[in-house]
Amino acid sequence: MAPSGEQGTWKALGELSSIGLTLVISTVLGLVGGYYVDRWLGTTPWLLLIGLVLGIAAGFVNLFRSVSRAERDLDDPR
């Protein structure tokens, strides 16, 4: 079993390694959601662009939350 300080490092590394996937998934979900709402309402391309921007923003919010959580975990070994 790993020492507690090393375990926190592995946990932070695991969380930070998922950031790229989270950015891509949130962007694609915003894009697809905007596309389908655009087709439904006939407002091409405005809602697609709004969905894309909201997806990117959601991805970056998650990025900043993950990084701050990882920093806090590394600074505060339990």
Protein backbone atom coordinates (compact mmCIF):
# COMPACT_ATOMS: atom_id res chain seq x y z
CA MET A 1 0.00 0.00 0.00
CA ALA A 2 1.24 3.48 -0.85
CA PRO A 3 2.10 6.02 1.86
CA SER A 4 -0.62 8.64 2.41
CA GLY A 5 1.31 11.46 0.71
CA GLU A 6 1.91 9.32 -2.33
CA GLN A 7 -1.74 8.27 -2.42
CA GLY A 8 -2.83 11.94 -2.62
CA THR A 9 -0.45 12.46 -5.51
CA TRP A 10 -1.93 9.51 -7.42
CA LYS A 11 -5.46 10.74 -6.74
CA ALA A 12 -4.62 14.23 -8.05
CA LEU A 13 -2.91 12.75 -11.10
CA GLY A 14 -5.94 10.59 -11.87
CA GLU A 15 -8.29 13.54 -11.58
CA LEU A 16 -6.13 15.82 -13.71
CA SER A 17 -5.75 13.18 -16.42
CA SER A 18 -9.51 13.22 -17.00
CA ILE A 19 -9.60 16.95 -17.76
CA GLY A 20 -8.96 16.55 -21.50
CA LEU A 21 -11.80 14.09 -21.85
CA THR A 22 -14.13 16.35 -19.87
CA LEU A 23 -13.32 19.36 -22.06
CA VAL A 24 -14.05 17.40 -25.24
CA ILE A 25 -17.27 15.82 -23.93
CA SER A 26 -18.74 19.11 -22.66
CA THR A 27 -17.90 20.86 -25.94
CA VAL A 28 -19.45 18.09 -28.04
CA LEU A 29 -22.57 17.96 -25.85
CA GLY A 30 -23.06 21.73 -26.20
CA LEU A 31 -22.53 21.53 -29.94
CA VAL A 32 -24.91 18.61 -30.46
CA GLY A 33 -27.55 20.12 -28.17
CA GLY A 34 -27.37 23.43 -30.03
CA TYR A 35 -27.55 21.65 -33.38
CA TYR A 36 -30.73 19.75 -32.52
CA VAL A 37 -32.45 22.74 -30.94
CA ASP A 38 -31.46 24.74 -34.04
CA ARG A 39 -33.04 22.15 -36.31
CA TRP A 40 -36.17 22.05 -34.14
CA LEU A 41 -36.64 25.84 -34.07
CA GLY A 42 -35.14 26.64 -37.49
CA THR A 43 -32.73 29.25 -36.17
CA THR A 44 -29.58 27.96 -37.91
CA PRO A 45 -26.70 28.59 -36.88
CA TRP A 46 -27.34 30.73 -33.81
CA LEU A 47 -28.29 28.14 -31.21
CA LEU A 48 -25.52 25.85 -32.46
CA LEU A 49 -23.00 28.61 -31.77
CA ILE A 50 -24.55 29.39 -28.39
CA GLY A 51 -24.46 25.69 -27.47
CA LEU A 52 -20.83 25.50 -28.56
CA VAL A 53 -19.86 28.51 -26.43
CA LEU A 54 -21.78 27.16 -23.42
CA GLY A 55 -20.13 23.75 -23.81
CA ILE A 56 -16.67 25.28 -23.96
CA ALA A 57 -17.45 27.47 -20.94
CA ALA A 58 -18.70 24.46 -18.98
CA GLY A 59 -15.52 22.57 -19.86
CA PHE A 60 -13.31 25.38 -18.61
CA VAL A 61 -15.31 25.78 -15.41
CA ASN A 62 -14.75 22.08 -14.75
CA LEU A 63 -11.07 22.50 -15.62
CA PHE A 64 -10.59 25.25 -13.04
CA ARG A 65 -12.52 23.31 -10.39
CA SER A 66 -10.46 20.18 -10.98
CA VAL A 67 -7.15 22.04 -10.86
CA SER A 68 -8.06 23.89 -7.66
CA ARG A 69 -9.25 20.64 -6.05
CA ALA A 70 -6.02 18.88 -7.04
CA GLU A 71 -3.90 21.75 -5.66
CA ARG A 72 -5.84 21.65 -2.41
CA ASP A 73 -5.37 17.89 -2.14
CA LEU A 74 -1.63 18.17 -2.75
CA ASP A 75 -1.21 21.03 -0.26
CA ASP A 76 -3.25 19.35 2.45
CA PRO A 77 -2.02 15.76 2.84
CA ARG A 78 -4.23 13.92 5.29
